[in-house]
Amino acid sequence: MSILNEQQPQQVPPAERIANQMINQARMAFQQLVSVYNEGSRSFWSNPRATPQEISSALGNRAAEVFDLHGKIGALLAQVKPEAIQPGQSVVGQFTVNADGTVTVPEAPAQQG
């Protein structure tokens, strides 16, 4: 078929184009939040360079706010797709939020071998 006889592809109506953009933005935002949640959990609880308590101590009195925000993000994501944050939730250990805004993480018991 000659290019002179080909029909031009129809333009996507503006409303459909905008709707597709919104879908893609929502999907990308969700995927990014999942990634940040899971990586944040792993970097705190399973970091080979620092213990959870060392990281918590470095956060100081901002630790409680960081933990609260991370928990709220996790709760939101769990309402949408709980299995998406399983990698991050599976590494979370015990901790205590203190009145001064710090967080205490008990030392993990030594493994017997």
C-alpha atoms as a PDB file:
ATOM      1  CA  MET A   1       0.000   0.000   0.000  1.00  0.00           C
ATOM      2  CA  SER A   2       1.299   3.420  -0.910  1.00  0.00           C
ATOM      3  CA  ILE A   3       1.899   5.964   1.827  1.00  0.00           C
ATOM      4  CA  LEU A   4      -0.409   8.230  -0.141  1.00  0.00           C
ATOM      5  CA  ASN A   5      -3.309   5.888   0.551  1.00  0.00           C
ATOM      6  CA  GLU A   6      -2.575   5.190   4.219  1.00  0.00           C
ATOM      7  CA  GLN A   7      -4.844   6.817   6.709  1.00  0.00           C
ATOM      8  CA  GLN A   8      -3.302   8.785   9.519  1.00  0.00           C
ATOM      9  CA  PRO A   9      -3.816   7.290  12.965  1.00  0.00           C
ATOM     10  CA  GLN A  10      -6.636   9.036  14.742  1.00  0.00           C
ATOM     11  CA  GLN A  11      -5.706  11.487  17.417  1.00  0.00           C
ATOM     12  CA  VAL A  12      -6.469  10.363  20.935  1.00  0.00           C
ATOM     13  CA  PRO A  13      -9.135  12.658  22.400  1.00  0.00           C
ATOM     14  CA  PRO A  14      -7.748  14.948  25.138  1.00  0.00           C
ATOM     15  CA  ALA A  15      -9.916  13.427  27.872  1.00  0.00           C
ATOM     16  CA  GLU A  16      -8.673   9.917  27.045  1.00  0.00           C
ATOM     17  CA  ARG A  17      -5.050  11.082  26.897  1.00  0.00           C
ATOM     18  CA  ILE A  18      -5.386  12.794  30.300  1.00  0.00           C
ATOM     19  CA  ALA A  19      -7.131   9.739  31.771  1.00  0.00           C
ATOM     20  CA  ASN A  20      -4.272   7.508  30.578  1.00  0.00           C
ATOM     21  CA  GLN A  21      -1.722   9.921  32.084  1.00  0.00           C
ATOM     22  CA  MET A  22      -3.536   9.839  35.418  1.00  0.00           C
ATOM     23  CA  ILE A  23      -3.597   6.032  35.398  1.00  0.00           C
ATOM     24  CA  ASN A  24       0.121   5.881  34.652  1.00  0.00           C
ATOM     25  CA  GLN A  25       0.954   8.501  37.305  1.00  0.00           C
ATOM     26  CA  ALA A  26      -1.079   6.683  39.961  1.00  0.00           C
ATOM     27  CA  ARG A  27       0.558   3.363  39.089  1.00  0.00           C
ATOM     28  CA  MET A  28       4.049   4.878  39.132  1.00  0.00           C
ATOM     29  CA  ALA A  29       3.423   6.692  42.432  1.00  0.00           C
ATOM     30  CA  PHE A  30       2.166   3.487  44.041  1.00  0.00           C
ATOM     31  CA  GLN A  31       5.135   1.487  42.767  1.00  0.00           C
ATOM     32  CA  GLN A  32       7.547   4.149  44.002  1.00  0.00           C
ATOM     33  CA  LEU A  33       5.970   4.194  47.484  1.00  0.00           C
ATOM     34  CA  VAL A  34       6.162   0.397  47.654  1.00  0.00           C
ATOM     35  CA  SER A  35       9.824   0.518  46.694  1.00  0.00           C
ATOM     36  CA  VAL A  36      10.605   3.227  49.251  1.00  0.00           C
ATOM     37  CA  TYR A  37       8.730   1.339  51.985  1.00  0.00           C
ATOM     38  CA  ASN A  38      10.415  -1.992  51.322  1.00  0.00           C
ATOM     39  CA  GLU A  39      13.886  -0.497  50.894  1.00  0.00           C
ATOM     40  CA  GLY A  40      13.466   1.625  54.023  1.00  0.00           C
ATOM     41  CA  SER A  41      12.577  -1.435  56.075  1.00  0.00           C
ATOM     42  CA  ARG A  42      15.486  -3.451  54.706  1.00  0.00           C
ATOM     43  CA  SER A  43      18.004  -0.639  55.125  1.00  0.00           C
ATOM     44  CA  PHE A  44      17.031  -0.191  58.790  1.00  0.00           C
ATOM     45  CA  TRP A  45      16.476  -3.780  59.900  1.00  0.00           C
ATOM     46  CA  SER A  46      18.896  -5.706  57.667  1.00  0.00           C
ATOM     47  CA  ASN A  47      21.783  -3.338  57.130  1.00  0.00           C
ATOM     48  CA  PRO A  48      25.220  -5.009  57.206  1.00  0.00           C
ATOM     49  CA  ARG A  49      26.967  -1.715  58.038  1.00  0.00           C
ATOM     50  CA  ALA A  50      24.981  -0.626  61.113  1.00  0.00           C
ATOM     51  CA  THR A  51      22.644  -2.185  63.642  1.00  0.00           C
ATOM     52  CA  PRO A  52      19.043  -1.009  63.934  1.00  0.00           C
ATOM     53  CA  GLN A  53      19.888   0.604  67.294  1.00  0.00           C
ATOM     54  CA  GLU A  54      22.858   2.459  65.805  1.00  0.00           C
ATOM     55  CA  ILE A  55      20.635   3.816  63.049  1.00  0.00           C
ATOM     56  CA  SER A  56      17.921   4.678  65.558  1.00  0.00           C
ATOM     57  CA  SER A  57      20.468   6.497  67.719  1.00  0.00           C
ATOM     58  CA  ALA A  58      21.629   8.457  64.673  1.00  0.00           C
ATOM     59  CA  LEU A  59      18.017   9.519  64.073  1.00  0.00           C
ATOM     60  CA  GLY A  60      17.867  10.816  67.645  1.00  0.00           C
ATOM     61  CA  ASN A  61      14.587  12.374  68.695  1.00  0.00           C
ATOM     62  CA  ARG A  62      13.394  12.309  65.068  1.00  0.00           C
ATOM     63  CA  ALA A  63      13.193   8.506  65.126  1.00  0.00           C
ATOM     64  CA  ALA A  64       9.609   8.364  66.417  1.00  0.00           C
ATOM     65  CA  GLU A  65       8.397  10.644  63.632  1.00  0.00           C
ATOM     66  CA  VAL A  66      10.252   8.603  60.999  1.00  0.00           C
ATOM     67  CA  PHE A  67       8.774   5.359  62.368  1.00  0.00           C
ATOM     68  CA  ASP A  68       5.291   6.896  62.528  1.00  0.00           C
ATOM     69  CA  LEU A  69       5.424   8.154  58.955  1.00  0.00           C
ATOM     70  CA  HIS A  70       6.857   4.869  57.672  1.00  0.00           C
ATOM     71  CA  GLY A  71       4.094   2.974  59.495  1.00  0.00           C
ATOM     72  CA  LYS A  72       1.386   5.188  58.020  1.00  0.00           C
ATOM     73  CA  ILE A  73       2.763   4.705  54.521  1.00  0.00           C
ATOM     74  CA  GLY A  74       2.832   0.938  55.125  1.00  0.00           C
ATOM     75  CA  ALA A  75      -0.762   0.983  56.408  1.00  0.00           C
ATOM     76  CA  LEU A  76      -1.935   2.866  53.305  1.00  0.00           C
ATOM     77  CA  LEU A  77      -0.123   0.485  50.968  1.00  0.00           C
ATOM     78  CA  ALA A  78      -1.466  -2.531  52.868  1.00  0.00           C
ATOM     79  CA  GLN A  79      -5.018  -1.315  52.240  1.00  0.00           C
ATOM     80  CA  VAL A  80      -4.346  -1.245  48.513  1.00  0.00           C
ATOM     81  CA  LYS A  81      -2.140  -4.292  47.940  1.00  0.00           C
ATOM     82  CA  PRO A  82      -0.824  -5.957  51.120  1.00  0.00           C
ATOM     83  CA  GLU A  83       1.406  -8.445  49.340  1.00  0.00           C
ATOM     84  CA  ALA A  84       3.398  -5.600  47.775  1.00  0.00           C
ATOM     85  CA  ILE A  85       4.924  -4.616  51.112  1.00  0.00           C
ATOM     86  CA  GLN A  86       5.510  -8.123  52.430  1.00  0.00           C
ATOM     87  CA  PRO A  87       9.262  -7.931  51.710  1.00  0.00           C
ATOM     88  CA  GLY A  88       9.542  -4.855  53.919  1.00  0.00           C
ATOM     89  CA  GLN A  89       7.239  -6.062  56.646  1.00  0.00           C
ATOM     90  CA  SER A  90       8.951  -9.425  56.916  1.00  0.00           C
ATOM     91  CA  VAL A  91      12.145  -7.854  58.307  1.00  0.00           C
ATOM     92  CA  VAL A  92      10.589  -5.496  60.883  1.00  0.00           C
ATOM     93  CA  GLY A  93      11.626  -6.339  64.417  1.00  0.00           C
ATOM     94  CA  GLN A  94      10.615  -5.185  67.872  1.00  0.00           C
ATOM     95  CA  PHE A  95      11.082  -1.591  68.953  1.00  0.00           C
ATOM     96  CA  THR A  96       9.897   0.852  71.575  1.00  0.00           C
ATOM     97  CA  VAL A  97       8.954   4.453  70.831  1.00  0.00           C
ATOM     98  CA  ASN A  98      10.022   6.641  73.743  1.00  0.00           C
ATOM     99  CA  ALA A  99       8.337   9.815  74.992  1.00  0.00           C
ATOM    100  CA  ASP A 100      11.344  11.926  73.966  1.00  0.00           C
ATOM    101  CA  GLY A 101      10.971  10.910  70.315  1.00  0.00           C
ATOM    102  CA  THR A 102      13.741   8.341  70.304  1.00  0.00           C
ATOM    103  CA  VAL A 103      13.269   4.687  69.445  1.00  0.00           C
ATOM    104  CA  THR A 104      14.899   1.811  71.298  1.00  0.00           C
ATOM    105  CA  VAL A 105      15.598  -1.450  69.507  1.00  0.00           C
ATOM    106  CA  PRO A 106      16.412  -4.433  71.701  1.00  0.00           C
ATOM    107  CA  GLU A 107      19.548  -6.286  70.735  1.00  0.00           C
ATOM    108  CA  ALA A 108      18.811  -9.481  68.853  1.00  0.00           C
ATOM    109  CA  PRO A 109      19.692 -12.567  70.866  1.00  0.00           C
ATOM    110  CA  ALA A 110      22.880 -14.283  69.760  1.00  0.00           C
ATOM    111  CA  GLN A 111      22.221 -17.283  67.566  1.00  0.00           C
ATOM    112  CA  GLN A 112      23.443 -20.576  68.895  1.00  0.00           C
ATOM    113  CA  GLY A 113      25.289 -22.737  66.482  1.00  0.00           C
END
